[in-house]
């Protein structure tokens, strides 16, 4: 987790197999909101995506259908890797029971989908940003480090720089 401390102006977070945010740096909190304080099934971003429509507000609406498909595809992969008695399998069972959208997508058995390298975000402080997401997997692929960067010289790069300042200010004023 020390790598997060070194990335002061670049949003980065560590994710678990069930799309649980395990750790975030301050820049990731400024971009995405604090995703580490949830308990129970809400710890999973996939659970929140399919049960709380407010979770979708950080992405443009034209991105939602693809995001849903990728979430389900990644859970298919994680459930197969982790096994039928895993926390991921339990999450899948629960989501299939409570989310018709999830159940429908699960039944398609789409696997291998991933997000594009470039993601679009909506942030209440700076508006829309287009960022590249680099993913670094640990050796057994149970955790992933996500690092979000903007192309230098773009409007998104300037917005990301501004967000890192605004986020740092917000963090220090809340303490």
N, C-alpha and C. Protein backbone atom coordinates (compact mmCIF):
# COMPACT_ATOMS: atom_id res chain seq x y z
N UNK A 1 0.81 -1.20 0.00
CA UNK A 1 0.00 0.00 0.00
C UNK A 1 0.86 1.27 0.00
N UNK A 2 2.15 1.14 0.25
CA UNK A 2 3.00 2.33 0.28
C UNK A 2 3.04 3.05 -1.05
N UNK A 3 2.79 2.34 -2.13
CA UNK A 3 2.81 2.99 -3.43
C UNK A 3 1.74 4.08 -3.51
N UNK A 4 0.62 3.88 -2.83
CA UNK A 4 -0.43 4.90 -2.83
C UNK A 4 0.06 6.21 -2.20
N UNK A 5 0.90 6.09 -1.19
CA UNK A 5 1.44 7.28 -0.53
C UNK A 5 2.34 8.08 -1.46
N UNK A 6 2.96 7.44 -2.43
CA UNK A 6 3.88 8.11 -3.37
C UNK A 6 3.12 8.79 -4.50
N UNK A 7 1.90 8.38 -4.75
CA UNK A 7 1.11 8.95 -5.84
C UNK A 7 0.22 10.06 -5.29
N UNK A 8 0.79 11.20 -5.00
CA UNK A 8 0.04 12.26 -4.33
C UNK A 8 -0.91 13.01 -5.25
N UNK A 9 -0.54 13.19 -6.52
CA UNK A 9 -1.39 13.95 -7.42
C UNK A 9 -2.05 13.08 -8.49
N UNK A 10 -1.93 11.77 -8.35
CA UNK A 10 -2.49 10.83 -9.31
C UNK A 10 -3.47 9.91 -8.58
N UNK A 11 -4.74 9.91 -8.99
CA UNK A 11 -5.69 9.02 -8.33
C UNK A 11 -5.30 7.55 -8.50
N UNK A 12 -5.32 6.83 -7.39
CA UNK A 12 -4.99 5.40 -7.41
C UNK A 12 -5.74 4.70 -6.29
N UNK A 13 -6.11 3.45 -6.55
CA UNK A 13 -6.78 2.66 -5.52
C UNK A 13 -6.52 1.19 -5.75
N UNK A 14 -6.64 0.42 -4.67
CA UNK A 14 -6.45 -1.03 -4.70
C UNK A 14 -7.83 -1.67 -4.60
N UNK A 15 -8.08 -2.59 -5.55
CA UNK A 15 -9.39 -3.24 -5.62
C UNK A 15 -9.26 -4.73 -5.36
N UNK A 16 -10.27 -5.31 -4.70
CA UNK A 16 -10.33 -6.74 -4.46
C UNK A 16 -11.14 -7.44 -5.55
N UNK A 17 -11.22 -8.76 -5.46
CA UNK A 17 -11.85 -9.58 -6.49
C UNK A 17 -13.33 -9.28 -6.68
N UNK A 18 -14.02 -8.87 -5.62
CA UNK A 18 -15.46 -8.59 -5.74
C UNK A 18 -15.73 -7.10 -5.96
N UNK A 19 -14.74 -6.40 -6.52
CA UNK A 19 -14.83 -4.98 -6.80
C UNK A 19 -14.97 -4.17 -5.51
N UNK A 20 -14.30 -4.61 -4.48
CA UNK A 20 -14.24 -3.91 -3.21
C UNK A 20 -13.01 -3.01 -3.21
N UNK A 21 -13.21 -1.74 -2.87
CA UNK A 21 -12.09 -0.82 -2.78
C UNK A 21 -11.40 -1.05 -1.44
N UNK A 22 -10.18 -1.54 -1.50
CA UNK A 22 -9.43 -1.87 -0.28
C UNK A 22 -8.67 -0.66 0.26
N UNK A 23 -8.21 0.20 -0.64
CA UNK A 23 -7.47 1.40 -0.23
C UNK A 23 -7.54 2.42 -1.37
N UNK A 24 -7.54 3.70 -0.99
CA UNK A 24 -7.53 4.80 -1.95
C UNK A 24 -6.58 5.87 -1.47
N UNK A 25 -5.92 6.55 -2.41
CA UNK A 25 -5.17 7.72 -1.99
C UNK A 25 -6.12 8.93 -2.02
N UNK A 26 -5.65 10.09 -1.54
CA UNK A 26 -6.50 11.28 -1.45
C UNK A 26 -7.00 11.73 -2.82
N UNK A 27 -6.16 11.58 -3.85
CA UNK A 27 -6.58 12.00 -5.19
C UNK A 27 -7.73 11.12 -5.71
N UNK A 28 -7.71 9.82 -5.39
CA UNK A 28 -8.80 8.93 -5.80
C UNK A 28 -10.08 9.27 -5.05
N UNK A 29 -9.95 9.63 -3.78
CA UNK A 29 -11.14 10.04 -3.01
C UNK A 29 -11.72 11.31 -3.63
N UNK A 30 -10.86 12.26 -4.03
CA UNK A 30 -11.35 13.49 -4.66
C UNK A 30 -12.06 13.20 -5.97
N UNK A 31 -11.56 12.23 -6.74
CA UNK A 31 -12.16 11.89 -8.03
C UNK A 31 -13.42 11.07 -7.89
N UNK A 32 -13.37 10.02 -7.06
CA UNK A 32 -14.42 9.01 -7.02
C UNK A 32 -15.26 9.01 -5.75
N UNK A 33 -14.85 9.77 -4.75
CA UNK A 33 -15.50 9.70 -3.45
C UNK A 33 -14.88 8.59 -2.63
N UNK A 34 -15.07 8.65 -1.33
CA UNK A 34 -14.52 7.63 -0.44
C UNK A 34 -15.30 6.33 -0.62
N UNK A 35 -14.64 5.32 -1.13
CA UNK A 35 -15.28 4.03 -1.37
C UNK A 35 -14.86 2.97 -0.36
N UNK A 36 -14.15 3.38 0.69
CA UNK A 36 -13.62 2.40 1.65
C UNK A 36 -14.44 2.30 2.93
N UNK A 37 -15.42 3.15 3.11
CA UNK A 37 -16.15 3.20 4.38
C UNK A 37 -17.38 2.30 4.43
N UNK A 38 -17.72 1.66 3.33
CA UNK A 38 -18.93 0.84 3.29
C UNK A 38 -18.75 -0.45 4.07
N UNK A 39 -19.86 -1.02 4.51
CA UNK A 39 -19.84 -2.28 5.24
C UNK A 39 -20.77 -3.28 4.55
N UNK A 40 -20.61 -4.54 4.91
CA UNK A 40 -21.46 -5.58 4.35
C UNK A 40 -21.33 -5.66 2.84
N UNK A 41 -22.39 -6.07 2.15
CA UNK A 41 -22.29 -6.21 0.70
C UNK A 41 -22.02 -4.89 -0.02
N UNK A 42 -22.35 -3.76 0.63
CA UNK A 42 -22.11 -2.45 0.01
C UNK A 42 -20.63 -2.15 -0.16
N UNK A 43 -19.76 -2.95 0.45
CA UNK A 43 -18.32 -2.77 0.23
C UNK A 43 -17.97 -3.03 -1.24
N UNK A 44 -18.76 -3.83 -1.91
CA UNK A 44 -18.53 -4.13 -3.31
C UNK A 44 -19.11 -3.03 -4.20
N UNK A 45 -18.26 -2.48 -5.06
CA UNK A 45 -18.73 -1.48 -6.02
C UNK A 45 -19.77 -2.06 -6.97
N UNK A 46 -19.65 -3.34 -7.29
CA UNK A 46 -20.63 -3.99 -8.15
C UNK A 46 -21.98 -4.04 -7.45
N UNK A 47 -21.99 -4.35 -6.18
CA UNK A 47 -23.25 -4.37 -5.43
C UNK A 47 -23.90 -2.99 -5.45
N UNK A 48 -23.10 -1.97 -5.15
CA UNK A 48 -23.66 -0.62 -5.15
C UNK A 48 -24.15 -0.21 -6.54
N UNK A 49 -23.41 -0.62 -7.58
CA UNK A 49 -23.78 -0.27 -8.95
C UNK A 49 -25.18 -0.79 -9.28
N UNK A 50 -25.49 -1.99 -8.86
CA UNK A 50 -26.77 -2.61 -9.21
C UNK A 50 -27.88 -2.37 -8.19
N UNK A 51 -27.57 -1.78 -7.05
CA UNK A 51 -28.61 -1.57 -6.03
C UNK A 51 -28.83 -0.12 -5.65
N UNK A 52 -27.93 0.76 -6.04
CA UNK A 52 -28.03 2.17 -5.67
C UNK A 52 -27.72 3.02 -6.90
N UNK A 53 -28.75 3.53 -7.55
CA UNK A 53 -28.56 4.26 -8.80
C UNK A 53 -27.69 5.51 -8.62
N UNK A 54 -27.57 6.03 -7.41
CA UNK A 54 -26.70 7.19 -7.16
C UNK A 54 -25.24 6.82 -7.43
N UNK A 55 -24.89 5.55 -7.30
CA UNK A 55 -23.53 5.09 -7.55
C UNK A 55 -23.10 5.37 -8.99
N UNK A 56 -24.05 5.45 -9.88
CA UNK A 56 -23.76 5.64 -11.30
C UNK A 56 -23.48 7.09 -11.65
N UNK A 57 -23.69 8.00 -10.71
CA UNK A 57 -23.58 9.43 -11.01
C UNK A 57 -22.17 9.88 -11.37
N UNK A 58 -21.15 9.10 -11.08
CA UNK A 58 -19.79 9.53 -11.42
C UNK A 58 -19.40 9.15 -12.85
N UNK A 59 -20.33 8.53 -13.58
CA UNK A 59 -20.08 8.17 -14.97
C UNK A 59 -21.16 8.78 -15.86
N UNK A 60 -20.81 9.22 -17.07
CA UNK A 60 -21.83 9.70 -18.01
C UNK A 60 -22.84 8.60 -18.31
N UNK A 61 -24.10 8.96 -18.49
CA UNK A 61 -25.17 7.97 -18.65
C UNK A 61 -24.97 7.07 -19.87
N UNK A 62 -24.33 7.57 -20.93
CA UNK A 62 -24.12 6.73 -22.11
C UNK A 62 -23.09 5.64 -21.86
N UNK A 63 -22.45 5.65 -20.72
CA UNK A 63 -21.45 4.67 -20.33
C UNK A 63 -22.04 3.58 -19.43
N UNK A 64 -23.24 3.79 -18.91
CA UNK A 64 -23.82 2.90 -17.90
C UNK A 64 -24.01 1.46 -18.39
N UNK A 65 -24.56 1.26 -19.59
CA UNK A 65 -24.83 -0.11 -20.06
C UNK A 65 -23.53 -0.90 -20.19
N UNK A 66 -22.50 -0.29 -20.75
CA UNK A 66 -21.22 -0.97 -20.88
C UNK A 66 -20.63 -1.27 -19.50
N UNK A 67 -20.72 -0.30 -18.61
CA UNK A 67 -20.20 -0.48 -17.25
C UNK A 67 -20.90 -1.66 -16.57
N UNK A 68 -22.19 -1.77 -16.74
CA UNK A 68 -22.94 -2.88 -16.14
C UNK A 68 -22.44 -4.22 -16.69
N UNK A 69 -22.28 -4.31 -18.00
CA UNK A 69 -21.81 -5.55 -18.62
C UNK A 69 -20.42 -5.93 -18.14
N UNK A 70 -19.54 -4.94 -18.02
CA UNK A 70 -18.18 -5.23 -17.55
C UNK A 70 -18.19 -5.68 -16.10
N UNK A 71 -19.00 -5.02 -15.27
CA UNK A 71 -19.10 -5.42 -13.86
C UNK A 71 -19.47 -6.90 -13.75
N UNK A 72 -20.49 -7.30 -14.51
CA UNK A 72 -20.97 -8.69 -14.46
C UNK A 72 -19.90 -9.64 -15.01
N UNK A 73 -19.28 -9.27 -16.11
CA UNK A 73 -18.23 -10.10 -16.70
C UNK A 73 -17.09 -10.33 -15.72
N UNK A 74 -16.68 -9.28 -15.04
CA UNK A 74 -15.59 -9.41 -14.07
C UNK A 74 -16.00 -10.28 -12.89
N UNK A 75 -17.25 -10.19 -12.47
CA UNK A 75 -17.72 -11.06 -11.38
C UNK A 75 -17.79 -12.52 -11.85
N UNK A 76 -18.15 -12.75 -13.11
CA UNK A 76 -18.11 -14.12 -13.65
C UNK A 76 -16.71 -14.70 -13.51
N UNK A 77 -15.74 -13.92 -13.92
CA UNK A 77 -14.34 -14.37 -13.86
C UNK A 77 -13.90 -14.61 -12.42
N UNK A 78 -14.22 -13.66 -11.55
CA UNK A 78 -13.82 -13.79 -10.14
C UNK A 78 -14.51 -14.97 -9.47
N UNK A 79 -15.79 -15.18 -9.75
CA UNK A 79 -16.52 -16.30 -9.14
C UNK A 79 -15.95 -17.64 -9.60
N UNK A 80 -15.59 -17.73 -10.87
CA UNK A 80 -15.00 -18.97 -11.38
C UNK A 80 -13.63 -19.22 -10.73
N UNK A 81 -12.86 -18.17 -10.56
CA UNK A 81 -11.52 -18.30 -9.97
C UNK A 81 -11.60 -18.61 -8.48
N UNK A 82 -12.53 -17.96 -7.77
CA UNK A 82 -12.58 -18.07 -6.31
C UNK A 82 -13.39 -19.28 -5.83
N UNK A 83 -14.30 -19.79 -6.65
CA UNK A 83 -15.04 -20.99 -6.29
C UNK A 83 -16.43 -20.72 -5.73
N UNK A 84 -17.24 -21.78 -5.68
CA UNK A 84 -18.65 -21.65 -5.29
C UNK A 84 -18.89 -21.31 -3.82
N UNK A 85 -17.89 -21.47 -2.98
CA UNK A 85 -18.05 -21.16 -1.56
C UNK A 85 -17.45 -19.80 -1.21
N UNK A 86 -17.02 -19.05 -2.19
CA UNK A 86 -16.33 -17.78 -1.95
C UNK A 86 -17.31 -16.64 -1.65
N UNK A 87 -16.74 -15.56 -1.15
CA UNK A 87 -17.51 -14.34 -0.90
C UNK A 87 -18.05 -13.79 -2.22
N UNK A 88 -17.28 -13.93 -3.29
CA UNK A 88 -17.73 -13.45 -4.60
C UNK A 88 -18.97 -14.24 -5.05
N UNK A 89 -18.94 -15.56 -4.89
CA UNK A 89 -20.10 -16.38 -5.27
C UNK A 89 -21.32 -16.00 -4.45
N UNK A 90 -21.13 -15.72 -3.18
CA UNK A 90 -22.24 -15.29 -2.32
C UNK A 90 -22.81 -13.95 -2.80
N UNK A 91 -21.92 -13.04 -3.17
CA UNK A 91 -22.34 -11.74 -3.70
C UNK A 91 -23.16 -11.93 -4.98
N UNK A 92 -22.69 -12.78 -5.86
CA UNK A 92 -23.40 -13.04 -7.12
C UNK A 92 -24.80 -13.59 -6.84
N UNK A 93 -24.90 -14.56 -5.96
CA UNK A 93 -26.20 -15.13 -5.61
C UNK A 93 -27.14 -14.04 -5.10
N UNK A 94 -26.65 -13.21 -4.21
CA UNK A 94 -27.46 -12.12 -3.64
C UNK A 94 -27.89 -11.14 -4.73
N UNK A 95 -26.97 -10.74 -5.58
CA UNK A 95 -27.31 -9.79 -6.65
C UNK A 95 -28.32 -10.37 -7.63
N UNK A 96 -28.20 -11.64 -7.94
CA UNK A 96 -29.16 -12.28 -8.85
C UNK A 96 -30.57 -12.25 -8.26
N UNK A 97 -30.67 -12.31 -6.93
CA UNK A 97 -31.97 -12.31 -6.27
C UNK A 97 -32.59 -10.92 -6.20
N UNK A 98 -31.76 -9.89 -6.07
CA UNK A 98 -32.32 -8.55 -5.81
C UNK A 98 -32.25 -7.57 -6.97
N UNK A 99 -31.49 -7.90 -8.02
CA UNK A 99 -31.35 -6.97 -9.14
C UNK A 99 -31.72 -7.66 -10.45
N UNK A 100 -32.88 -7.31 -11.01
CA UNK A 100 -33.26 -7.90 -12.30
C UNK A 100 -32.23 -7.59 -13.40
N UNK A 101 -31.66 -6.39 -13.39
CA UNK A 101 -30.65 -6.05 -14.39
C UNK A 101 -29.45 -6.98 -14.26
N UNK A 102 -28.97 -7.17 -13.03
CA UNK A 102 -27.82 -8.05 -12.82
C UNK A 102 -28.17 -9.47 -13.26
N UNK A 103 -29.33 -9.98 -12.86
CA UNK A 103 -29.72 -11.35 -13.19
C UNK A 103 -29.78 -11.55 -14.71
N UNK A 104 -30.32 -10.58 -15.41
CA UNK A 104 -30.40 -10.68 -16.87
C UNK A 104 -29.01 -10.71 -17.50
N UNK A 105 -28.14 -9.83 -17.05
CA UNK A 105 -26.78 -9.80 -17.59
C UNK A 105 -26.00 -11.05 -17.21
N UNK A 106 -26.20 -11.55 -16.00
CA UNK A 106 -25.51 -12.76 -15.55
C UNK A 106 -25.86 -13.93 -16.46
N UNK A 107 -27.11 -14.02 -16.85
CA UNK A 107 -27.59 -15.13 -17.69
C UNK A 107 -26.95 -15.13 -19.07
N UNK A 108 -26.40 -14.02 -19.52
CA UNK A 108 -25.76 -13.97 -20.84
C UNK A 108 -24.40 -14.66 -20.83
N UNK A 109 -23.83 -14.89 -19.65
CA UNK A 109 -22.53 -15.56 -19.49
C UNK A 109 -21.40 -14.88 -20.27
N UNK A 110 -21.44 -13.56 -20.36
CA UNK A 110 -20.36 -12.83 -21.01
C UNK A 110 -19.14 -12.80 -20.10
N UNK A 111 -18.02 -13.23 -20.60
CA UNK A 111 -16.77 -13.19 -19.84
C UNK A 111 -15.70 -12.52 -20.69
N UNK A 112 -14.69 -12.05 -20.02
CA UNK A 112 -13.56 -11.45 -20.73
C UNK A 112 -13.75 -10.00 -21.10
N UNK A 113 -14.88 -9.41 -20.74
CA UNK A 113 -15.06 -7.98 -21.03
C UNK A 113 -14.20 -7.17 -20.08
N UNK A 114 -13.74 -6.04 -20.56
CA UNK A 114 -12.98 -5.14 -19.71
C UNK A 114 -13.33 -3.72 -20.10
N UNK A 115 -12.99 -2.82 -19.23
CA UNK A 115 -13.17 -1.42 -19.54
C UNK A 115 -12.14 -1.03 -20.59
N UNK A 116 -12.46 0.00 -21.32
CA UNK A 116 -11.44 0.52 -22.24
C UNK A 116 -10.34 1.14 -21.39
N UNK A 117 -9.22 1.39 -22.02
CA UNK A 117 -8.13 2.02 -21.28
C UNK A 117 -8.49 3.43 -20.86
N UNK A 118 -9.40 4.05 -21.61
CA UNK A 118 -9.81 5.41 -21.30
C UNK A 118 -11.21 5.37 -20.69
N UNK A 119 -11.38 6.07 -19.57
CA UNK A 119 -12.66 6.14 -18.89
C UNK A 119 -13.10 7.59 -18.78
N UNK A 120 -14.40 7.78 -18.78
CA UNK A 120 -14.95 9.11 -18.59
C UNK A 120 -15.62 9.16 -17.22
N UNK A 121 -15.35 10.25 -16.50
CA UNK A 121 -15.91 10.44 -15.16
C UNK A 121 -16.62 11.78 -15.10
N UNK A 122 -17.62 11.84 -14.24
CA UNK A 122 -18.29 13.10 -13.92
C UNK A 122 -17.96 13.43 -12.48
N UNK A 123 -17.38 14.59 -12.27
CA UNK A 123 -17.02 15.00 -10.92
C UNK A 123 -17.74 16.30 -10.59
N UNK A 124 -18.39 16.40 -9.42
CA UNK A 124 -19.14 17.61 -9.09
C UNK A 124 -18.28 18.86 -8.99
N UNK A 125 -16.99 18.70 -8.73
CA UNK A 125 -16.10 19.86 -8.58
C UNK A 125 -15.58 20.40 -9.91
N UNK A 126 -15.24 19.50 -10.84
CA UNK A 126 -14.56 19.93 -12.07
C UNK A 126 -15.26 19.52 -13.35
N UNK A 127 -16.34 18.75 -13.27
CA UNK A 127 -17.05 18.33 -14.47
C UNK A 127 -16.53 17.03 -15.04
N UNK A 128 -16.65 16.87 -16.36
CA UNK A 128 -16.27 15.61 -17.00
C UNK A 128 -14.76 15.54 -17.24
N UNK A 129 -14.20 14.37 -16.95
CA UNK A 129 -12.79 14.10 -17.19
C UNK A 129 -12.67 12.83 -18.01
N UNK A 130 -11.69 12.80 -18.89
CA UNK A 130 -11.36 11.60 -19.64
C UNK A 130 -9.98 11.16 -19.18
N UNK A 131 -9.93 10.00 -18.51
CA UNK A 131 -8.69 9.53 -17.89
C UNK A 131 -8.34 8.13 -18.36
N UNK A 132 -7.06 7.85 -18.41
CA UNK A 132 -6.60 6.50 -18.70
C UNK A 132 -6.51 5.74 -17.38
N UNK A 133 -6.93 4.49 -17.42
CA UNK A 133 -6.86 3.64 -16.23
C UNK A 133 -5.87 2.52 -16.50
N UNK A 134 -4.78 2.56 -15.78
CA UNK A 134 -3.80 1.49 -15.87
C UNK A 134 -4.05 0.54 -14.70
N UNK A 135 -4.03 -0.75 -14.99
CA UNK A 135 -4.32 -1.76 -13.98
C UNK A 135 -3.07 -2.62 -13.79
N UNK A 136 -2.64 -2.74 -12.55
CA UNK A 136 -1.52 -3.60 -12.20
C UNK A 136 -2.07 -4.70 -11.30
N UNK A 137 -1.95 -5.95 -11.75
CA UNK A 137 -2.48 -7.09 -11.00
C UNK A 137 -1.39 -7.69 -10.13
N UNK A 138 -1.79 -8.18 -8.95
CA UNK A 138 -0.82 -8.90 -8.13
C UNK A 138 -0.63 -10.30 -8.75
N UNK A 139 0.38 -11.05 -8.33
CA UNK A 139 0.68 -12.32 -9.00
C UNK A 139 -0.49 -13.31 -9.09
N UNK A 140 -1.33 -13.36 -8.09
CA UNK A 140 -2.45 -14.30 -8.18
C UNK A 140 -3.74 -13.62 -8.61
N UNK A 141 -3.68 -12.38 -9.02
CA UNK A 141 -4.78 -11.60 -9.56
C UNK A 141 -5.99 -11.51 -8.63
N UNK A 142 -5.74 -11.48 -7.34
CA UNK A 142 -6.83 -11.31 -6.38
C UNK A 142 -7.03 -9.82 -6.09
N UNK A 143 -5.98 -9.03 -6.25
CA UNK A 143 -6.07 -7.59 -6.04
C UNK A 143 -5.47 -6.88 -7.24
N UNK A 144 -5.98 -5.67 -7.48
CA UNK A 144 -5.46 -4.87 -8.59
C UNK A 144 -5.26 -3.43 -8.13
N UNK A 145 -4.19 -2.83 -8.62
CA UNK A 145 -3.94 -1.41 -8.39
C UNK A 145 -4.41 -0.68 -9.63
N UNK A 146 -5.33 0.27 -9.46
CA UNK A 146 -5.82 1.10 -10.56
C UNK A 146 -5.21 2.48 -10.42
N UNK A 147 -4.62 2.99 -11.48
CA UNK A 147 -4.00 4.31 -11.49
C UNK A 147 -4.63 5.09 -12.64
N UNK A 148 -5.15 6.28 -12.34
CA UNK A 148 -5.86 7.10 -13.32
C UNK A 148 -5.00 8.30 -13.71
N UNK A 149 -4.74 8.45 -15.01
CA UNK A 149 -3.92 9.56 -15.50
C UNK A 149 -4.60 10.22 -16.69
N UNK A 150 -4.23 11.48 -16.92
CA UNK A 150 -4.75 12.22 -18.07
C UNK A 150 -3.62 12.47 -19.06
N UNK A 151 -3.97 12.63 -20.31
CA UNK A 151 -2.99 12.98 -21.32
C UNK A 151 -2.47 14.38 -21.03
N UNK A 152 -1.15 14.55 -20.93
CA UNK A 152 -0.60 15.88 -20.63
C UNK A 152 -1.07 16.93 -21.64
N UNK A 153 -1.35 18.12 -21.12
CA UNK A 153 -1.76 19.23 -21.96
C UNK A 153 -3.23 19.28 -22.32
N UNK A 154 -4.00 18.30 -21.87
CA UNK A 154 -5.43 18.28 -22.19
C UNK A 154 -6.24 18.98 -21.10
N UNK A 155 -7.49 19.24 -21.43
CA UNK A 155 -8.40 19.83 -20.45
C UNK A 155 -8.56 18.90 -19.25
N UNK A 156 -8.60 17.59 -19.50
CA UNK A 156 -8.72 16.63 -18.40
C UNK A 156 -7.50 16.67 -17.49
N UNK A 157 -6.31 16.90 -18.06
CA UNK A 157 -5.10 17.00 -17.24
C UNK A 157 -5.19 18.20 -16.31
N UNK A 158 -5.69 19.31 -16.85
CA UNK A 158 -5.84 20.51 -16.02
C UNK A 158 -6.90 20.29 -14.95
N UNK A 159 -8.00 19.65 -15.30
CA UNK A 159 -9.06 19.36 -14.32
C UNK A 159 -8.55 18.41 -13.24
N UNK A 160 -7.74 17.43 -13.62
CA UNK A 160 -7.20 16.49 -12.65
C UNK A 160 -6.24 17.20 -11.70
N UNK A 161 -5.43 18.12 -12.23
CA UNK A 161 -4.54 18.91 -11.38
C UNK A 161 -5.36 19.75 -10.40
N UNK A 162 -6.40 20.40 -10.90
CA UNK A 162 -7.28 21.21 -10.05
C UNK A 162 -7.95 20.33 -8.99
N UNK A 163 -8.40 19.17 -9.39
CA UNK A 163 -9.06 18.25 -8.46
C UNK A 163 -8.13 17.80 -7.36
N UNK A 164 -6.86 17.59 -7.68
CA UNK A 164 -5.90 17.18 -6.64
C UNK A 164 -5.72 18.29 -5.61
N UNK A 165 -5.79 19.54 -6.05
CA UNK A 165 -5.69 20.68 -5.12
C UNK A 165 -6.97 20.80 -4.31
N UNK A 166 -8.12 20.75 -4.99
CA UNK A 166 -9.42 20.85 -4.31
C UNK A 166 -9.59 19.70 -3.33
N UNK A 167 -9.21 18.48 -3.76
CA UNK A 167 -9.33 17.31 -2.89
C UNK A 167 -8.45 17.41 -1.67
N UNK A 168 -7.23 17.89 -1.85
CA UNK A 168 -6.32 18.06 -0.71
C UNK A 168 -6.86 19.10 0.25
N UNK A 169 -7.44 20.18 -0.28
CA UNK A 169 -8.03 21.22 0.56
C UNK A 169 -9.22 20.67 1.33
N UNK A 170 -10.08 19.90 0.65
CA UNK A 170 -11.26 19.32 1.30
C UNK A 170 -10.86 18.37 2.42
N UNK A 171 -9.80 17.58 2.19
CA UNK A 171 -9.34 16.63 3.19
C UNK A 171 -8.83 17.34 4.44
N UNK A 172 -8.05 18.42 4.25
CA UNK A 172 -7.49 19.11 5.41
C UNK A 172 -8.54 19.92 6.16
N UNK A 173 -9.57 20.41 5.48
CA UNK A 173 -10.60 21.20 6.17
C UNK A 173 -11.58 20.31 6.92
N UNK A 174 -11.63 19.02 6.59
CA UNK A 174 -12.56 18.11 7.29
C UNK A 174 -11.95 17.52 8.53
N UNK A 175 -10.66 17.66 8.72
CA UNK A 175 -10.00 17.05 9.89
C UNK A 175 -10.20 17.86 11.13
